[in-house]
PDB file of N, CA and C in Angstrom:
ATOM      1  N   MET A   1       0.878  -1.112  -0.120  1.00  0.00           N
ATOM      2  CA  MET A   1      -0.027  -0.060   0.110  1.00  0.00           C
ATOM      3  C   MET A   1       0.865   1.103  -0.006  1.00  0.00           C
ATOM      4  N   GLU A   2       1.857   1.264   0.687  1.00  0.00           N
ATOM      5  CA  GLU A   2       2.810   2.242   0.936  1.00  0.00           C
ATOM      6  C   GLU A   2       3.580   2.736  -0.551  1.00  0.00           C
ATOM      7  N   LEU A   3       3.812   1.665  -0.845  1.00  0.00           N
ATOM      8  CA  LEU A   3       4.624   1.634  -2.618  1.00  0.00           C
ATOM      9  C   LEU A   3       3.681   2.318  -3.560  1.00  0.00           C
ATOM     10  N   GLU A   4       2.252   1.889  -3.227  1.00  0.00           N
ATOM     11  CA  GLU A   4       1.404   2.518  -4.348  1.00  0.00           C
ATOM     12  C   GLU A   4       1.117   3.697  -4.091  1.00  0.00           C
ATOM     13  N   LYS A   5       1.207   4.542  -2.689  1.00  0.00           N
ATOM     14  CA  LYS A   5       1.080   6.047  -2.749  1.00  0.00           C
ATOM     15  C   LYS A   5       2.320   6.571  -3.255  1.00  0.00           C
ATOM     16  N   LYS A   6       3.478   5.967  -3.177  1.00  0.00           N
ATOM     17  CA  LYS A   6       4.795   6.644  -3.515  1.00  0.00           C
ATOM     18  C   LYS A   6       4.842   6.566  -5.122  1.00  0.00           C
ATOM     19  N   PHE A   7       4.120   5.548  -5.576  1.00  0.00           N
ATOM     20  CA  PHE A   7       4.044   5.456  -6.949  1.00  0.00           C
ATOM     21  C   PHE A   7       3.214   6.547  -7.504  1.00  0.00           C
ATOM     22  N   GLN A   8       2.097   6.745  -7.159  1.00  0.00           N
ATOM     23  CA  GLN A   8       0.895   7.680  -7.366  1.00  0.00           C
ATOM     24  C   GLN A   8       1.836   8.993  -7.440  1.00  0.00           C
ATOM     25  N   ARG A   9       2.546   9.418  -6.093  1.00  0.00           N
ATOM     26  CA  ARG A   9       3.042  10.741  -5.947  1.00  0.00           C
ATOM     27  C   ARG A   9       4.132  10.795  -7.223  1.00  0.00           C
ATOM     28  N   ALA A  10       4.808   9.741  -7.498  1.00  0.00           N
ATOM     29  CA  ALA A  10       6.106   9.965  -8.320  1.00  0.00           C
ATOM     30  C   ALA A  10       5.294  10.228  -9.767  1.00  0.00           C
ATOM     31  N   VAL A  11       4.088   9.627 -10.273  1.00  0.00           N
ATOM     32  CA  VAL A  11       3.492  10.048 -11.330  1.00  0.00           C
ATOM     33  C   VAL A  11       2.886  11.640 -11.347  1.00  0.00           C
ATOM     34  N   PHE A  12       2.375  11.900 -10.470  1.00  0.00           N
ATOM     35  CA  PHE A  12       1.976  13.229 -10.159  1.00  0.00           C
ATOM     36  C   PHE A  12       3.157  14.317 -10.251  1.00  0.00           C
ATOM     37  N   LEU A  13       4.089  13.695  -9.600  1.00  0.00           N
ATOM     38  CA  LEU A  13       5.340  14.810  -9.697  1.00  0.00           C
ATOM     39  C   LEU A  13       5.915  14.817 -11.101  1.00  0.00           C
ATOM     40  N   LEU A  14       5.811  13.871 -11.814  1.00  0.00           N
ATOM     41  CA  LEU A  14       6.065  13.696 -13.114  1.00  0.00           C
ATOM     42  C   LEU A  14       5.427  14.629 -13.884  1.00  0.00           C
ATOM     43  N   LYS A  15       4.105  14.420 -13.750  1.00  0.00           N
ATOM     44  CA  LYS A  15       3.240  15.547 -14.414  1.00  0.00           C
ATOM     45  C   LYS A  15       3.396  17.046 -14.450  1.00  0.00           C
ATOM     46  N   ILE A  16       3.805  17.255 -12.795  1.00  0.00           N
ATOM     47  CA  ILE A  16       4.187  18.561 -12.718  1.00  0.00           C
ATOM     48  C   ILE A  16       5.381  18.952 -13.391  1.00  0.00           C
ATOM     49  N   HIS A  17       6.435  18.106 -13.445  1.00  0.00           N
ATOM     50  CA  HIS A  17       7.607  18.321 -14.249  1.00  0.00           C
ATOM     51  C   HIS A  17       7.459  18.627 -15.475  1.00  0.00           C
ATOM     52  N   LYS A  18       6.504  18.083 -16.200  1.00  0.00           N
ATOM     53  CA  LYS A  18       6.310  18.229 -17.689  1.00  0.00           C
ATOM     54  C   LYS A  18       5.770  19.548 -17.888  1.00  0.00           C
ATOM     55  N   VAL A  19       4.845  19.901 -17.156  1.00  0.00           N
ATOM     56  CA  VAL A  19       4.303  21.395 -17.029  1.00  0.00           C
ATOM     57  C   VAL A  19       5.383  22.398 -16.814  1.00  0.00           C
ATOM     58  N   LYS A  20       6.006  22.009 -15.954  1.00  0.00           N
ATOM     59  CA  LYS A  20       7.197  23.445 -15.659  1.00  0.00           C
ATOM     60  C   LYS A  20       8.192  23.212 -16.926  1.00  0.00           C
ATOM     61  N   LYS A  21       8.552  22.091 -17.547  1.00  0.00           N
ATOM     62  CA  LYS A  21       9.267  21.965 -18.774  1.00  0.00           C
ATOM     63  C   LYS A  21       8.707  22.765 -19.863  1.00  0.00           C
ATOM     64  N   GLU A  22       7.454  22.585 -20.197  1.00  0.00           N
ATOM     65  CA  GLU A  22       7.002  23.473 -21.280  1.00  0.00           C
ATOM     66  C   GLU A  22       6.914  24.945 -20.820  1.00  0.00           C
ATOM     67  N   ILE A  23       6.724  25.035 -19.415  1.00  0.00           N
ATOM     68  CA  ILE A  23       6.570  26.753 -19.205  1.00  0.00           C
ATOM     69  C   ILE A  23       8.048  27.238 -19.394  1.00  0.00           C
ATOM     70  N   ARG A  24       9.082  26.465 -19.162  1.00  0.00           N
ATOM     71  CA  ARG A  24      10.501  27.058 -19.053  1.00  0.00           C
ATOM     72  C   ARG A  24      11.232  26.603 -20.432  1.00  0.00           C
ATOM     73  N   ALA A  25      10.667  26.357 -21.462  1.00  0.00           N
ATOM     74  CA  ALA A  25      11.401  25.782 -22.590  1.00  0.00           C
ATOM     75  C   ALA A  25      12.388  26.697 -23.399  1.00  0.00           C
ATOM     76  N   GLU A  26      11.805  27.975 -23.076  1.00  0.00           N
ATOM     77  CA  GLU A  26      12.557  29.063 -23.832  1.00  0.00           C
ATOM     78  C   GLU A  26      13.928  29.287 -22.679  1.00  0.00           C
ATOM     79  N   ASN A  27      13.956  28.971 -21.577  1.00  0.00           N
ATOM     80  CA  ASN A  27      15.148  29.380 -20.781  1.00  0.00           C
ATOM     81  C   ASN A  27      15.815  27.923 -21.146  1.00  0.00           C
ATOM     82  N   LYS A  28      17.146  28.278 -21.849  1.00  0.00           N
ATOM     83  CA  LYS A  28      17.737  26.902 -21.846  1.00  0.00           C
ATOM     84  C   LYS A  28      18.575  26.324 -20.686  1.00  0.00           C
ATOM     85  N   GLY A  29      19.039  27.279 -20.069  1.00  0.00           N
ATOM     86  CA  GLY A  29      19.822  26.783 -18.848  1.00  0.00           C
ATOM     87  C   GLY A  29      18.795  26.174 -17.742  1.00  0.00           C
ATOM     88  N   LYS A  30      17.655  26.509 -17.667  1.00  0.00           N
ATOM     89  CA  LYS A  30      16.929  25.747 -16.588  1.00  0.00           C
ATOM     90  C   LYS A  30      16.259  24.744 -17.298  1.00  0.00           C
ATOM     91  N   LYS A  31      16.234  24.484 -18.600  1.00  0.00           N
ATOM     92  CA  LYS A  31      15.716  23.548 -19.354  1.00  0.00           C
ATOM     93  C   LYS A  31      16.527  22.177 -19.040  1.00  0.00           C
ATOM     94  N   LYS A  32      17.928  22.644 -19.210  1.00  0.00           N
ATOM     95  CA  LYS A  32      18.787  21.381 -18.793  1.00  0.00           C
ATOM     96  C   LYS A  32      18.768  20.956 -17.272  1.00  0.00           C
ATOM     97  N   LYS A  33      18.405  21.588 -16.362  1.00  0.00           N
ATOM     98  CA  LYS A  33      18.407  21.202 -15.082  1.00  0.00           C
ATOM     99  C   LYS A  33      17.018  20.498 -15.243  1.00  0.00           C
ATOM    100  N   LEU A  34      16.253  20.810 -15.644  1.00  0.00           N
ATOM    101  CA  LEU A  34      14.673  20.123 -15.551  1.00  0.00           C
ATOM    102  C   LEU A  34      14.836  18.708 -16.436  1.00  0.00           C
ATOM    103  N   LEU A  35      15.541  18.638 -17.251  1.00  0.00           N
ATOM    104  CA  LEU A  35      15.787  17.418 -18.023  1.00  0.00           C
ATOM    105  C   LEU A  35      16.290  16.433 -17.231  1.00  0.00           C
ATOM    106  N   VAL A  36      17.376  16.962 -16.453  1.00  0.00           N
ATOM    107  CA  VAL A  36      18.121  15.983 -15.342  1.00  0.00           C
ATOM    108  C   VAL A  36      17.141  15.389 -14.360  1.00  0.00           C
ATOM    109  N   LYS A  37      16.459  16.432 -13.777  1.00  0.00           N
ATOM    110  CA  LYS A  37      15.425  16.085 -12.787  1.00  0.00           C
ATOM    111  C   LYS A  37      14.326  15.009 -13.519  1.00  0.00           C
ATOM    112  N   MET A  38      14.094  15.226 -14.677  1.00  0.00           N
ATOM    113  CA  MET A  38      12.836  14.628 -15.489  1.00  0.00           C
ATOM    114  C   MET A  38      13.462  12.865 -15.296  1.00  0.00           C
ATOM    115  N   HIS A  39      14.673  12.952 -15.597  1.00  0.00           N
ATOM    116  CA  HIS A  39      15.452  11.611 -15.723  1.00  0.00           C
ATOM    117  C   HIS A  39      15.438  10.957 -14.328  1.00  0.00           C
ATOM    118  N   THR A  40      15.632  11.518 -13.459  1.00  0.00           N
ATOM    119  CA  THR A  40      15.821  11.198 -11.907  1.00  0.00           C
ATOM    120  C   THR A  40      14.353  10.716 -11.652  1.00  0.00           C
ATOM    121  N   VAL A  41      13.252  11.331 -11.952  1.00  0.00           N
ATOM    122  CA  VAL A  41      12.062  10.822 -11.540  1.00  0.00           C
ATOM    123  C   VAL A  41      11.770   9.769 -12.531  1.00  0.00           C
ATOM    124  N   LYS A  42      11.773   9.666 -13.515  1.00  0.00           N
ATOM    125  CA  LYS A  42      11.471   8.641 -14.792  1.00  0.00           C
ATOM    126  C   LYS A  42      12.403   7.405 -14.050  1.00  0.00           C
ATOM    127  N   ARG A  43      13.703   7.413 -13.652  1.00  0.00           N
ATOM    128  CA  ARG A  43      14.391   6.048 -12.960  1.00  0.00           C
ATOM    129  C   ARG A  43      13.769   5.917 -11.917  1.00  0.00           C
ATOM    130  N   PHE A  44      13.399   6.637 -10.759  1.00  0.00           N
ATOM    131  CA  PHE A  44      12.748   6.452  -9.703  1.00  0.00           C
ATOM    132  C   PHE A  44      11.395   5.368  -9.868  1.00  0.00           C
ATOM    133  N   ILE A  45      10.618   6.044 -11.025  1.00  0.00           N
ATOM    134  CA  ILE A  45       9.179   5.183 -11.242  1.00  0.00           C
ATOM    135  C   ILE A  45       9.748   3.950 -11.907  1.00  0.00           C
ATOM    136  N   ASN A  46      10.840   3.930 -12.587  1.00  0.00           N
ATOM    137  CA  ASN A  46      11.218   2.800 -13.328  1.00  0.00           C
ATOM    138  C   ASN A  46      11.341   1.521 -12.208  1.00  0.00           C
ATOM    139  N   ASP A  47      12.189   2.125 -11.196  1.00  0.00           N
ATOM    140  CA  ASP A  47      12.621   1.230  -9.793  1.00  0.00           C
ATOM    141  C   ASP A  47      11.222   0.912  -9.176  1.00  0.00           C
ATOM    142  N   ILE A  48      10.417   1.564  -9.236  1.00  0.00           N
ATOM    143  CA  ILE A  48       8.880   1.219  -8.485  1.00  0.00           C
ATOM    144  C   ILE A  48       8.568   0.025  -9.170  1.00  0.00           C
ATOM    145  N   CYS A  49       8.372   0.211 -10.454  1.00  0.00           N
ATOM    146  CA  CYS A  49       7.769  -0.925 -11.359  1.00  0.00           C
ATOM    147  C   CYS A  49       8.647  -2.060 -11.144  1.00  0.00           C
ATOM    148  N   CYS A  50       9.926  -2.111 -11.251  1.00  0.00           N
ATOM    149  CA  CYS A  50      10.607  -3.086 -11.062  1.00  0.00           C
ATOM    150  C   CYS A  50      10.031  -4.088  -9.757  1.00  0.00           C
ATOM    151  N   MET A  51      10.185  -3.199  -8.755  1.00  0.00           N
ATOM    152  CA  MET A  51       9.810  -3.643  -7.258  1.00  0.00           C
ATOM    153  C   MET A  51       8.460  -4.364  -7.103  1.00  0.00           C
ATOM    154  N   LYS A  52       7.448  -3.635  -7.925  1.00  0.00           N
ATOM    155  CA  LYS A  52       6.224  -4.249  -8.015  1.00  0.00           C
ATOM    156  C   LYS A  52       6.183  -5.513  -8.482  1.00  0.00           C
ATOM    157  N   ASN A  53       7.200  -5.687  -9.654  1.00  0.00           N
ATOM    158  CA  ASN A  53       6.833  -6.899 -10.489  1.00  0.00           C
ATOM    159  C   ASN A  53       7.651  -7.975  -9.703  1.00  0.00           C
ATOM    160  N   LYS A  54       8.685  -7.911  -9.199  1.00  0.00           N
ATOM    161  CA  LYS A  54       9.388  -8.833  -8.098  1.00  0.00           C
ATOM    162  C   LYS A  54       8.459  -9.144  -7.131  1.00  0.00           C
ATOM    163  N   LYS A  55       7.825  -8.232  -6.432  1.00  0.00           N
ATOM    164  CA  LYS A  55       6.933  -8.535  -5.462  1.00  0.00           C
ATOM    165  C   LYS A  55       5.938  -9.742  -5.891  1.00  0.00           C
ATOM    166  N   GLN A  56       5.059  -9.092  -7.030  1.00  0.00           N
ATOM    167  CA  GLN A  56       4.096 -10.137  -7.678  1.00  0.00           C
ATOM    168  C   GLN A  56       4.716 -11.486  -8.022  1.00  0.00           C
ATOM    169  N   ARG A  57       5.929 -11.718  -8.487  1.00  0.00           N
ATOM    170  CA  ARG A  57       6.355 -12.847  -8.676  1.00  0.00           C
ATOM    171  C   ARG A  57       6.791 -13.656  -7.622  1.00  0.00           C
ATOM    172  N   ASN A  58       7.306 -12.960  -6.207  1.00  0.00           N
ATOM    173  CA  ASN A  58       7.485 -13.833  -5.315  1.00  0.00           C
ATOM    174  C   ASN A  58       6.222 -14.358  -4.534  1.00  0.00           C
ATOM    175  N   ASP A  59       5.279 -13.779  -4.946  1.00  0.00           N
ATOM    176  CA  ASP A  59       3.759 -14.188  -4.109  1.00  0.00           C
ATOM    177  C   ASP A  59       3.391 -15.442  -4.817  1.00  0.00           C
TER     178      ASP A  59
END
Protein backbone atom coordinates (compact mmCIF):
# COMPACT_ATOMS: atom_id res chain seq x y z
CA MET A 1 0.00 0.00 0.00
CA GLU A 2 2.85 2.38 0.88
CA LEU A 3 4.51 1.59 -2.45
CA GLU A 4 1.29 2.41 -4.29
CA LYS A 5 1.15 5.85 -2.65
CA LYS A 6 4.78 6.53 -3.57
CA PHE A 7 4.11 5.46 -7.14
CA GLN A 8 1.08 7.75 -7.44
CA ARG A 9 3.08 10.65 -5.98
CA ALA A 10 5.92 10.00 -8.44
CA VAL A 11 3.49 10.02 -11.37
CA PHE A 12 1.95 13.23 -10.02
CA LEU A 13 5.39 14.84 -9.71
CA LEU A 14 6.27 13.71 -13.22
CA LYS A 15 3.18 15.48 -14.58
CA ILE A 16 4.13 18.67 -12.72
CA HIS A 17 7.67 18.46 -14.12
CA LYS A 18 6.29 18.13 -17.66
CA VAL A 19 4.21 21.28 -17.19
CA LYS A 20 7.18 23.18 -15.72
CA LYS A 21 9.34 21.97 -18.60
CA GLU A 22 6.88 23.38 -21.14
CA ILE A 23 6.67 26.71 -19.29
CA ARG A 24 10.45 27.11 -19.12
CA ALA A 25 11.25 25.70 -22.55
CA GLU A 26 12.59 29.07 -23.72
CA ASN A 27 15.14 29.27 -20.91
CA LYS A 28 17.83 26.81 -21.98
CA GLY A 29 19.85 26.97 -18.75
CA LYS A 30 16.90 25.87 -16.64
CA LYS A 31 15.72 23.45 -19.33
CA LYS A 32 18.90 21.40 -18.92
CA LYS A 33 18.39 21.18 -15.14
CA LEU A 34 14.78 20.13 -15.61
CA LEU A 35 15.77 17.39 -18.04
CA VAL A 36 18.11 15.96 -15.42
CA LYS A 37 15.29 16.08 -12.86
CA MET A 38 12.90 14.39 -15.30
CA HIS A 39 15.43 11.62 -15.85
CA THR A 40 15.78 11.09 -12.09
CA VAL A 41 12.01 10.92 -11.61
CA LYS A 42 11.63 8.51 -14.54
CA ARG A 43 14.33 6.27 -13.10
CA PHE A 44 12.60 6.40 -9.70
CA ILE A 45 9.30 5.31 -11.28
CA ASN A 46 11.13 2.57 -13.18
CA ASP A 47 12.63 1.25 -9.93
CA ILE A 48 9.18 1.18 -8.32
CA CYS A 49 7.74 -0.73 -11.29
CA CYS A 50 10.55 -3.29 -11.04
CA MET A 51 9.95 -3.65 -7.30
CA LYS A 52 6.23 -4.17 -7.90
CA ASN A 53 6.92 -6.84 -10.53
CA LYS A 54 9.37 -8.67 -8.27
CA LYS A 55 6.87 -8.58 -5.41
CA GLN A 56 4.15 -10.10 -7.60
CA ARG A 57 6.47 -12.86 -8.81
CA ASN A 58 7.48 -13.78 -5.26
CA ASP A 59 3.87 -14.20 -4.10
